[in-house]
Amino acid sequence: MEVIWYATCKDRDFEVVMVVTRKKCSFVGMEMYQPTWCCIPEDCNCQSCSHHPYLYFLENTGLRVEAFRLHWFTAAFNRFFQKCGSWRPKLLDCWFTLGTRCSLALLPVAMYIVIRTAVSACHRSISTGDTKPALILEPMIPGVNLPISDIGYYLAALITCSVVHELGHAVAAVREDVHIDGVGLTVVLIVPVVYVHLNTQQYDSLPPKRQLRITCAGVWHNFVLTIAAMFLLILLPFLLYPFFDAGTGVTVRNIHQASPLAGPSGLQTGDKVLTLNQCQVKDFDSWYHCIVSAINHASPGYCISSELVKEHDESVAAKQLPGGAIECCNAKSTDHLCFEYLDKEENMPELPPHTCLPGRIVIESTDEMCVTASDCSAGLHCLKPSLDNNTRLLRIKRANAKVVIFLGQPSDVYHTVQ
């Protein structure tokens, strides 16, 4: 093998070396030329001696590329900060003075929350061995406790908070006659970080009171932004009332393919759920509360007439099943359920203690539900489905659609329906 050409190219802090060698392959009797590149750069794929336009672009735009990081720095917003800091000077001075006092007043509260969170986490981990304690402050980690589908909202909120925070520092620095060198943006993987670069010598020469105005301005602006966001969240249902329904039910967004409620007779995407058994569904919180209530309490009964029982009764000899349920239906009657008759104490029994009835007919025939016989109107009887301890019968009422009947564990509904 023989080296026939060697070239180097140096620029700034990198070097690109090209070596061309010639060797003869004995089994074919041919000479082969093999080029070899050696690149020793930072950002070596773009920064080479033949890529001066790229370097010129980086220098003039303030961009700097590193491993997993992108930096951008500019002084283009300095004039904007000067205009903001010159608007109503007395009002801004009062604003930042108030921000300093509020920030200092809230500092002990913040320290208490952080210390209590750390102590609570350590105590819970040591006493129970649980590494996932209920924290007062909980870090939001995409893909861990923050759904990947919400990453856009997370980044938008993070950028908004960072911009408002740094705007507070910048305007406060203008009011205190501290020169602003520029603003920068650093993107680490996908997480953006905004910062303002101030003249440190001018900042250090200020009295402590004026330094505090600049230091506390960012926290003060974030605090005000949080209060504004809370009020907006409270007023959102009223602001969007002409365009959306609020507090009248929940809309099904997605149903898992393996959900027991999937299918033509189950819930459909876009359905508006109004009630779950006797529980009124107004929003997501009430939907969750209704499912928890269904888990913790036995299925309610239904107030029906004796004529319906006599017309549809297909009872067979009742037998006790494991789990506490009574079976009084034929095995071939898959759409029938065994109901237990709850009679009023002062009345003589009018119906057999157990009767086999078609579940959908019973549930759709009445809107009255009962826990005891006294809950039913005059002339109606309380019939309660006989189920084991873990099974529940859910009556899910939808807007402009038939009632959905679910027989199983309510937790399956919560985990498979969004």
Protein backbone atom coordinates (compact mmCIF):
# COMPACT_ATOMS: atom_id res chain seq x y z
CA MET A 1 0.00 0.00 0.00
CA GLU A 2 1.36 3.41 -1.02
CA VAL A 3 0.23 6.92 -0.03
CA ILE A 4 -0.08 8.95 -3.22
CA TRP A 5 -1.93 12.09 -1.99
CA TYR A 6 -2.36 13.82 1.35
CA ALA A 7 -4.32 17.00 2.11
CA THR A 8 -5.35 18.86 5.24
CA CYS A 9 -7.77 21.67 5.79
CA LYS A 10 -7.77 23.68 9.01
CA ASP A 11 -10.28 26.26 10.13
CA ARG A 12 -10.89 27.47 13.68
CA ASP A 13 -10.90 24.51 16.07
CA PHE A 14 -11.20 21.64 13.65
CA GLU A 15 -9.15 19.83 11.03
CA VAL A 16 -10.21 17.73 8.07
CA VAL A 17 -7.62 15.32 6.70
CA MET A 18 -7.91 13.31 3.45
CA VAL A 19 -5.43 10.54 2.61
CA VAL A 20 -5.53 8.63 -0.72
CA THR A 21 -3.67 5.29 -0.81
CA ARG A 22 -2.95 2.89 -3.65
CA LYS A 23 -2.73 -0.86 -3.21
CA LYS A 24 -2.55 -3.75 -5.63
CA CYS A 25 -4.94 -6.69 -5.34
CA SER A 26 -2.96 -9.84 -6.14
CA PHE A 27 -5.90 -12.04 -7.04
CA VAL A 28 -7.16 -9.77 -9.86
CA GLY A 29 -3.97 -7.95 -10.78
CA MET A 30 -5.58 -4.51 -10.47
CA GLU A 31 -4.62 -1.37 -8.63
CA MET A 32 -7.21 0.13 -6.26
CA TYR A 33 -7.33 3.68 -4.88
CA GLN A 34 -8.76 4.09 -1.41
CA PRO A 35 -9.58 7.56 -0.01
CA THR A 36 -9.68 7.96 3.77
CA TRP A 37 -11.24 10.94 5.57
CA CYS A 38 -10.20 12.01 9.05
CA CYS A 39 -12.38 14.75 10.57
CA ILE A 40 -11.58 16.31 13.93
CA PRO A 41 -14.16 19.03 14.43
CA GLU A 42 -16.91 20.24 16.72
CA ASP A 43 -20.02 20.00 14.54
CA CYS A 44 -17.82 18.20 11.97
CA ASN A 45 -20.57 17.35 9.49
CA CYS A 46 -21.07 20.99 8.49
CA GLN A 47 -18.04 22.96 9.61
CA SER A 48 -15.33 22.37 7.04
CA CYS A 49 -13.18 24.62 4.91
CA SER A 50 -15.67 24.36 2.04
CA HIS A 51 -18.62 25.43 4.20
CA HIS A 52 -17.87 29.06 4.94
CA PRO A 53 -21.49 30.10 4.15
CA TYR A 54 -22.63 27.83 6.98
CA LEU A 55 -20.17 29.40 9.40
CA TYR A 56 -21.17 32.86 8.21
CA PHE A 57 -24.83 31.97 8.82
CA LEU A 58 -24.11 30.79 12.38
CA GLU A 59 -22.10 33.90 13.18
CA ASN A 60 -24.71 36.35 11.88
CA THR A 61 -27.76 34.64 13.37
CA GLY A 62 -26.25 33.99 16.81
CA LEU A 63 -26.74 30.24 16.53
CA ARG A 64 -24.41 27.72 18.12
CA VAL A 65 -24.78 23.97 17.67
CA GLU A 66 -23.60 21.46 20.28
CA ALA A 67 -24.37 17.86 21.06
CA PHE A 68 -28.09 17.65 21.95
CA ARG A 69 -28.16 21.43 22.34
CA LEU A 70 -29.03 24.41 20.20
CA HIS A 71 -28.10 27.92 21.40
CA TRP A 72 -29.39 31.20 20.04
CA PHE A 73 -28.41 34.66 21.29
CA THR A 74 -29.48 38.05 19.94
CA ALA A 75 -29.61 41.71 20.87
CA ALA A 76 -32.51 42.43 18.53
CA PHE A 77 -35.00 42.84 21.39
CA ASN A 78 -32.98 45.40 23.35
CA ARG A 79 -34.88 48.34 21.86
CA PHE A 80 -38.18 46.67 22.74
CA PHE A 81 -37.05 46.26 26.35
CA GLN A 82 -36.04 49.92 26.45
CA LYS A 83 -39.51 50.97 25.27
CA CYS A 84 -41.19 48.72 27.83
CA GLY A 85 -39.00 50.07 30.62
CA SER A 86 -39.73 53.69 29.63
CA TRP A 87 -43.52 53.25 29.70
CA ARG A 88 -45.04 54.92 32.79
CA PRO A 89 -41.86 54.88 34.92
CA LYS A 90 -43.59 55.61 38.25
CA LEU A 91 -46.11 52.83 37.73
CA LEU A 92 -43.33 50.37 36.87
CA ASP A 93 -41.32 51.38 39.93
CA CYS A 94 -44.35 50.72 42.15
CA TRP A 95 -45.01 47.47 40.28
CA PHE A 96 -41.53 46.06 40.87
CA THR A 97 -41.44 47.30 44.47
CA LEU A 98 -44.69 45.43 45.11
CA GLY A 99 -43.19 42.39 43.37
CA THR A 100 -40.15 42.47 45.64
CA ARG A 101 -42.26 42.59 48.78
CA CYS A 102 -44.61 39.81 47.62
CA SER A 103 -41.70 37.60 46.56
CA LEU A 104 -39.96 37.99 49.90
CA ALA A 105 -43.25 37.33 51.73
CA LEU A 106 -43.82 34.14 49.74
CA LEU A 107 -40.24 32.89 50.14
CA PRO A 108 -40.88 31.18 53.54
CA VAL A 109 -43.98 29.51 52.08
CA ALA A 110 -41.98 28.17 49.15
CA MET A 111 -39.24 26.87 51.44
CA TYR A 112 -41.83 25.19 53.68
CA ILE A 113 -43.43 23.42 50.70
CA VAL A 114 -40.09 22.20 49.36
CA ILE A 115 -38.89 20.96 52.76
CA ARG A 116 -42.22 19.30 53.54
CA THR A 117 -42.23 17.57 50.14
CA ALA A 118 -38.70 16.22 50.68
CA VAL A 119 -39.41 15.03 54.23
CA SER A 120 -42.73 13.45 53.21
CA ALA A 121 -41.09 11.64 50.30
CA CYS A 122 -38.26 10.27 52.45
CA HIS A 123 -40.57 9.27 55.31
CA ARG A 124 -43.00 7.47 53.02
CA SER A 125 -40.21 5.70 51.16
CA ILE A 126 -38.58 4.48 54.39
CA SER A 127 -41.76 3.50 56.23
CA THR A 128 -43.63 1.76 53.39
CA GLY A 129 -40.95 1.12 50.81
CA ASP A 130 -43.08 3.01 48.29
CA THR A 131 -40.95 4.89 45.80
CA LYS A 132 -43.93 6.78 44.38
CA PRO A 133 -45.17 8.98 47.24
CA ALA A 134 -47.91 11.54 47.03
CA LEU A 135 -45.88 14.72 46.70
CA ILE A 136 -47.00 18.29 47.24
CA LEU A 137 -44.65 19.32 44.43
CA GLU A 138 -44.48 16.80 41.61
CA PRO A 139 -42.07 17.13 38.67
CA MET A 140 -43.75 16.84 35.27
CA ILE A 141 -41.83 14.31 33.19
CA PRO A 142 -43.15 13.62 29.65
CA GLY A 143 -43.86 9.95 29.20
CA VAL A 144 -43.75 9.23 32.96
CA ASN A 145 -46.47 11.25 34.66
CA LEU A 146 -47.30 13.47 31.68
CA PRO A 147 -48.90 11.88 28.59
CA ILE A 148 -46.86 12.19 25.41
CA SER A 149 -50.01 13.47 23.69
CA ASP A 150 -49.91 16.53 26.00
CA ILE A 151 -46.29 17.42 25.23
CA GLY A 152 -47.41 20.33 23.00
CA TYR A 153 -49.39 21.94 25.83
CA TYR A 154 -46.48 21.35 28.21
CA LEU A 155 -43.95 23.04 25.91
CA ALA A 156 -46.31 25.94 25.16
CA ALA A 157 -46.86 26.54 28.89
CA LEU A 158 -43.12 26.25 29.58
CA ILE A 159 -42.21 28.75 26.84
CA THR A 160 -44.92 31.19 27.98
CA CYS A 161 -43.75 31.06 31.60
CA SER A 162 -40.10 31.47 30.58
CA VAL A 163 -40.80 34.45 28.32
CA VAL A 164 -42.92 36.22 30.96
CA HIS A 165 -40.27 35.46 33.60
CA GLU A 166 -37.36 36.85 31.59
CA LEU A 167 -39.41 39.84 30.42
CA GLY A 168 -39.77 40.77 34.08
CA HIS A 169 -36.00 40.65 34.60
CA ALA A 170 -35.36 42.67 31.43
CA VAL A 171 -37.84 45.48 32.14
CA ALA A 172 -36.70 45.70 35.76
CA ALA A 173 -33.07 45.94 34.59
CA VAL A 174 -34.00 48.84 32.29
CA ARG A 175 -35.66 50.65 35.20
CA GLU A 176 -32.48 50.21 37.26
CA ASP A 177 -30.20 51.41 34.39
CA VAL A 178 -28.51 48.03 33.94
CA HIS A 179 -27.42 47.35 30.37
CA ILE A 180 -28.93 44.29 28.66
CA ASP A 181 -26.44 42.46 26.47
CA GLY A 182 -29.16 40.38 24.84
CA VAL A 183 -31.53 37.48 25.22
CA GLY A 184 -30.90 33.84 24.47
CA LEU A 185 -32.70 30.57 23.89
CA THR A 186 -31.22 27.16 24.62
CA VAL A 187 -33.01 24.01 23.47
CA VAL A 188 -31.82 20.92 25.35
CA LEU A 189 -33.24 17.94 23.44
CA ILE A 190 -36.77 19.37 23.15
CA VAL A 191 -36.92 21.47 26.33
CA PRO A 192 -36.57 25.24 25.70
CA VAL A 193 -34.79 27.52 28.19
CA VAL A 194 -34.99 31.31 27.81
CA TYR A 195 -32.58 33.69 29.54
CA VAL A 196 -31.59 37.39 29.65
CA HIS A 197 -27.90 38.34 29.80
CA LEU A 198 -27.27 41.46 31.91
CA ASN A 199 -24.13 43.47 32.49
CA THR A 200 -22.85 41.87 35.69
CA GLN A 201 -20.59 44.79 36.68
CA GLN A 202 -23.46 47.27 36.60
CA TYR A 203 -25.72 44.83 38.43
CA ASP A 204 -23.14 44.18 41.18
CA SER A 205 -22.65 47.92 41.72
CA LEU A 206 -26.33 48.45 42.57
CA PRO A 207 -27.56 48.71 46.18
CA PRO A 208 -29.17 45.47 47.50
CA LYS A 209 -32.67 46.96 47.30
CA ARG A 210 -32.36 47.68 43.58
CA GLN A 211 -30.76 44.29 42.95
CA LEU A 212 -33.77 42.65 44.59
CA ARG A 213 -36.10 44.46 42.21
CA ILE A 214 -34.36 42.83 39.27
CA THR A 215 -33.96 39.43 40.93
CA CYS A 216 -37.57 39.18 42.12
CA ALA A 217 -39.12 40.53 38.92
CA GLY A 218 -39.18 37.15 37.19
CA VAL A 219 -40.82 35.32 40.09
CA TRP A 220 -43.28 38.19 40.52
CA HIS A 221 -44.34 38.02 36.87
CA ASN A 222 -44.80 34.24 37.08
CA PHE A 223 -46.91 34.67 40.22
CA VAL A 224 -49.16 37.20 38.47
CA LEU A 225 -49.35 34.93 35.42
CA THR A 226 -50.46 32.05 37.65
CA ILE A 227 -53.21 34.13 39.26
CA ALA A 228 -54.39 35.29 35.82
CA ALA A 229 -54.41 31.69 34.54
CA MET A 230 -56.46 30.57 37.56
CA PHE A 231 -59.08 33.26 36.95
CA LEU A 232 -59.16 32.40 33.25
CA LEU A 233 -59.66 28.73 34.09
CA ILE A 234 -62.55 29.59 36.40
CA LEU A 235 -64.16 31.90 33.84
CA LEU A 236 -63.52 29.57 30.88
CA PRO A 237 -66.90 27.77 31.07
CA PHE A 238 -68.70 31.13 31.05
CA LEU A 239 -66.57 32.54 28.23
CA LEU A 240 -67.10 29.45 26.07
CA TYR A 241 -70.74 28.94 27.04
CA PRO A 242 -72.11 30.19 23.66
CA PHE A 243 -69.95 27.66 21.81
CA PHE A 244 -69.80 24.59 24.11
CA ASP A 245 -71.88 22.75 26.69
CA ALA A 246 -70.35 22.80 30.15
CA GLY A 247 -71.48 20.89 33.21
CA THR A 248 -74.11 18.86 31.37
CA GLY A 249 -72.21 15.63 30.76
CA VAL A 250 -69.01 14.15 29.37
CA THR A 251 -68.23 13.26 25.77
CA VAL A 252 -66.56 9.97 24.86
CA ARG A 253 -63.32 10.71 23.00
CA ASN A 254 -61.89 7.22 22.59
CA ILE A 255 -62.77 3.61 23.39
CA HIS A 256 -60.10 0.93 23.62
CA GLN A 257 -60.58 -1.95 21.21
CA ALA A 258 -60.56 -4.46 24.07
CA SER A 259 -63.11 -2.47 26.09
CA PRO A 260 -66.21 -4.43 27.19
CA LEU A 261 -68.22 -1.38 26.11
CA ALA A 262 -66.93 -1.49 22.53
CA GLY A 263 -69.40 -2.67 19.91
CA PRO A 264 -72.70 -1.62 18.33
CA SER A 265 -74.66 -1.87 21.58
CA GLY A 266 -71.98 -0.14 23.67
CA LEU A 267 -70.61 3.37 23.85
CA GLN A 268 -69.55 5.13 20.67
CA THR A 269 -67.01 7.89 20.11
CA GLY A 270 -68.83 11.21 20.45
CA ASP A 271 -71.53 9.91 22.81
CA LYS A 272 -72.54 12.30 25.57
CA VAL A 273 -72.91 10.47 28.90
CA LEU A 274 -75.50 12.01 31.24
CA THR A 275 -75.87 9.57 34.14
CA LEU A 276 -74.33 6.39 35.48
CA ASN A 277 -77.01 4.56 37.48
CA GLN A 278 -78.38 7.21 39.86
CA CYS A 279 -75.23 9.34 39.69
CA GLN A 280 -75.36 12.56 37.65
CA VAL A 281 -72.37 13.02 35.32
CA LYS A 282 -71.49 16.69 34.80
CA ASP A 283 -67.76 16.67 34.06
CA PHE A 284 -64.72 14.41 34.24
CA ASP A 285 -64.49 14.69 38.03
CA SER A 286 -68.11 13.61 38.49
CA TRP A 287 -67.58 10.78 35.97
CA TYR A 288 -64.70 9.49 38.09
CA HIS A 289 -66.75 9.93 41.28
CA CYS A 290 -69.67 7.99 39.79
CA ILE A 291 -67.42 5.05 38.84
CA VAL A 292 -65.83 4.99 42.31
CA SER A 293 -69.30 5.05 43.85
CA ALA A 294 -70.34 2.12 41.66
CA ILE A 295 -67.30 0.15 42.83
CA ASN A 296 -67.92 0.84 46.52
CA HIS A 297 -71.68 0.23 46.54
CA ALA A 298 -73.86 -2.65 45.38
CA SER A 299 -75.91 -2.23 42.20
CA PRO A 300 -79.23 -0.47 42.84
CA GLY A 301 -82.60 -1.99 42.05
CA TYR A 302 -85.32 -0.93 39.62
CA CYS A 303 -88.90 0.09 40.36
CA ILE A 304 -91.15 -1.94 38.06
CA SER A 305 -94.76 -3.04 38.01
CA SER A 306 -96.05 -6.49 38.88
CA GLU A 307 -97.61 -6.75 35.39
CA LEU A 308 -94.17 -6.57 33.75
CA VAL A 309 -92.90 -9.31 36.07
CA LYS A 310 -95.82 -11.62 35.29
CA GLU A 311 -95.47 -10.99 31.55
CA HIS A 312 -91.73 -11.69 31.22
CA ASP A 313 -90.91 -14.01 34.14
CA GLU A 314 -88.93 -17.12 33.07
CA SER A 315 -87.80 -18.28 36.49
CA VAL A 316 -86.44 -21.73 37.23
CA ALA A 317 -85.51 -23.26 40.55
CA ALA A 318 -83.19 -20.82 42.35
CA LYS A 319 -79.74 -21.94 43.43
CA GLN A 320 -76.94 -20.34 45.40
CA LEU A 321 -73.75 -19.49 43.49
CA PRO A 322 -70.24 -18.84 44.88
CA GLY A 323 -69.84 -15.17 45.71
CA GLY A 324 -73.30 -14.68 47.18
CA ALA A 325 -75.35 -14.50 43.95
CA ILE A 326 -78.63 -16.34 43.34
CA GLU A 327 -79.23 -17.93 39.94
CA CYS A 328 -82.83 -18.35 38.87
CA CYS A 329 -82.47 -18.21 35.07
CA ASN A 330 -81.97 -20.93 32.50
CA ALA A 331 -78.43 -21.15 31.16
CA LYS A 332 -79.76 -20.56 27.62
CA SER A 333 -81.31 -17.21 28.59
CA THR A 334 -78.15 -15.14 28.16
CA ASP A 335 -80.01 -11.83 28.03
CA HIS A 336 -81.91 -12.51 31.28
CA LEU A 337 -80.92 -11.65 34.85
CA CYS A 338 -82.08 -12.98 38.18
CA PHE A 339 -83.70 -10.20 40.23
CA GLU A 340 -84.32 -10.25 43.97
CA TYR A 341 -87.66 -8.89 45.15
CA LEU A 342 -87.38 -6.33 47.95
CA ASP A 343 -90.80 -6.03 49.57
CA LYS A 344 -92.03 -3.34 51.91
CA GLU A 345 -92.16 -4.63 55.44
CA GLU A 346 -95.76 -3.56 56.06
CA ASN A 347 -97.07 -5.29 52.91
CA MET A 348 -97.70 -8.92 52.15
CA PRO A 349 -95.37 -10.35 49.47
CA GLU A 350 -96.91 -9.84 46.02
CA LEU A 351 -94.08 -11.37 43.95
CA PRO A 352 -91.79 -14.38 44.30
CA PRO A 353 -88.47 -13.69 46.10
CA HIS A 354 -86.50 -14.23 42.89
CA THR A 355 -87.59 -13.77 39.29
CA CYS A 356 -85.82 -14.13 35.94
CA LEU A 357 -86.42 -11.16 33.65
CA PRO A 358 -84.82 -9.75 30.46
CA GLY A 359 -82.34 -7.18 31.69
CA ARG A 360 -82.76 -4.57 28.96
CA ILE A 361 -86.55 -4.56 29.19
CA VAL A 362 -86.43 -4.06 32.96
CA ILE A 363 -83.82 -1.28 32.78
CA GLU A 364 -85.45 0.60 29.89
CA SER A 365 -88.97 0.32 31.33
CA THR A 366 -88.33 2.75 34.20
CA ASP A 367 -86.21 5.71 35.26
CA GLU A 368 -86.82 5.03 38.94
CA MET A 369 -84.06 3.24 40.79
CA CYS A 370 -84.11 2.02 44.36
CA VAL A 371 -81.99 0.79 47.24
CA THR A 372 -84.90 -0.15 49.48
CA ALA A 373 -88.53 -0.91 48.71
CA SER A 374 -89.65 2.43 50.15
CA ASP A 375 -87.78 4.28 47.37
CA CYS A 376 -90.38 3.23 44.77
CA SER A 377 -93.62 5.01 43.97
CA ALA A 378 -96.99 3.49 44.83
CA GLY A 379 -97.84 0.47 42.72
CA LEU A 380 -94.21 -0.29 41.84
CA HIS A 381 -91.88 -2.89 43.33
CA CYS A 382 -88.12 -2.77 43.91
CA LEU A 383 -86.28 -5.58 42.09
CA LYS A 384 -82.54 -5.72 42.60
CA PRO A 385 -80.19 -7.75 40.37
CA SER A 386 -78.63 -10.70 42.20
CA LEU A 387 -74.89 -10.45 41.51
CA ASP A 388 -71.67 -11.56 43.17
CA ASN A 389 -69.62 -9.18 45.30
CA ASN A 390 -67.37 -7.91 42.47
CA THR A 391 -69.90 -7.60 39.65
CA ARG A 392 -71.99 -4.49 39.04
CA LEU A 393 -74.87 -3.69 36.71
CA LEU A 394 -74.39 -0.19 35.27
CA ARG A 395 -77.07 1.80 33.49
CA ILE A 396 -75.31 4.42 31.35
CA LYS A 397 -77.68 7.01 29.98
CA ARG A 398 -76.68 8.87 26.83
CA ALA A 399 -78.07 11.95 25.10
CA ASN A 400 -80.17 11.09 22.04
CA ALA A 401 -79.29 7.39 22.19
CA LYS A 402 -80.37 4.17 23.85
CA VAL A 403 -79.29 3.30 27.34
CA VAL A 404 -76.04 1.30 27.54
CA ILE A 405 -76.08 -1.68 29.90
CA PHE A 406 -72.82 -2.95 31.36
CA LEU A 407 -72.41 -6.04 33.52
CA GLY A 408 -68.94 -6.44 35.00
CA GLN A 409 -66.37 -4.49 36.99
CA PRO A 410 -66.72 -0.66 36.84
CA SER A 411 -62.93 -0.24 36.83
CA ASP A 412 -62.89 -1.70 33.32
CA VAL A 413 -65.08 1.17 32.18
CA TYR A 414 -62.75 3.76 33.65
CA HIS A 415 -59.57 2.26 32.17
CA THR A 416 -60.89 1.60 28.66
CA VAL A 417 -63.10 4.64 28.01
CA GLN A 418 -61.76 8.17 27.63
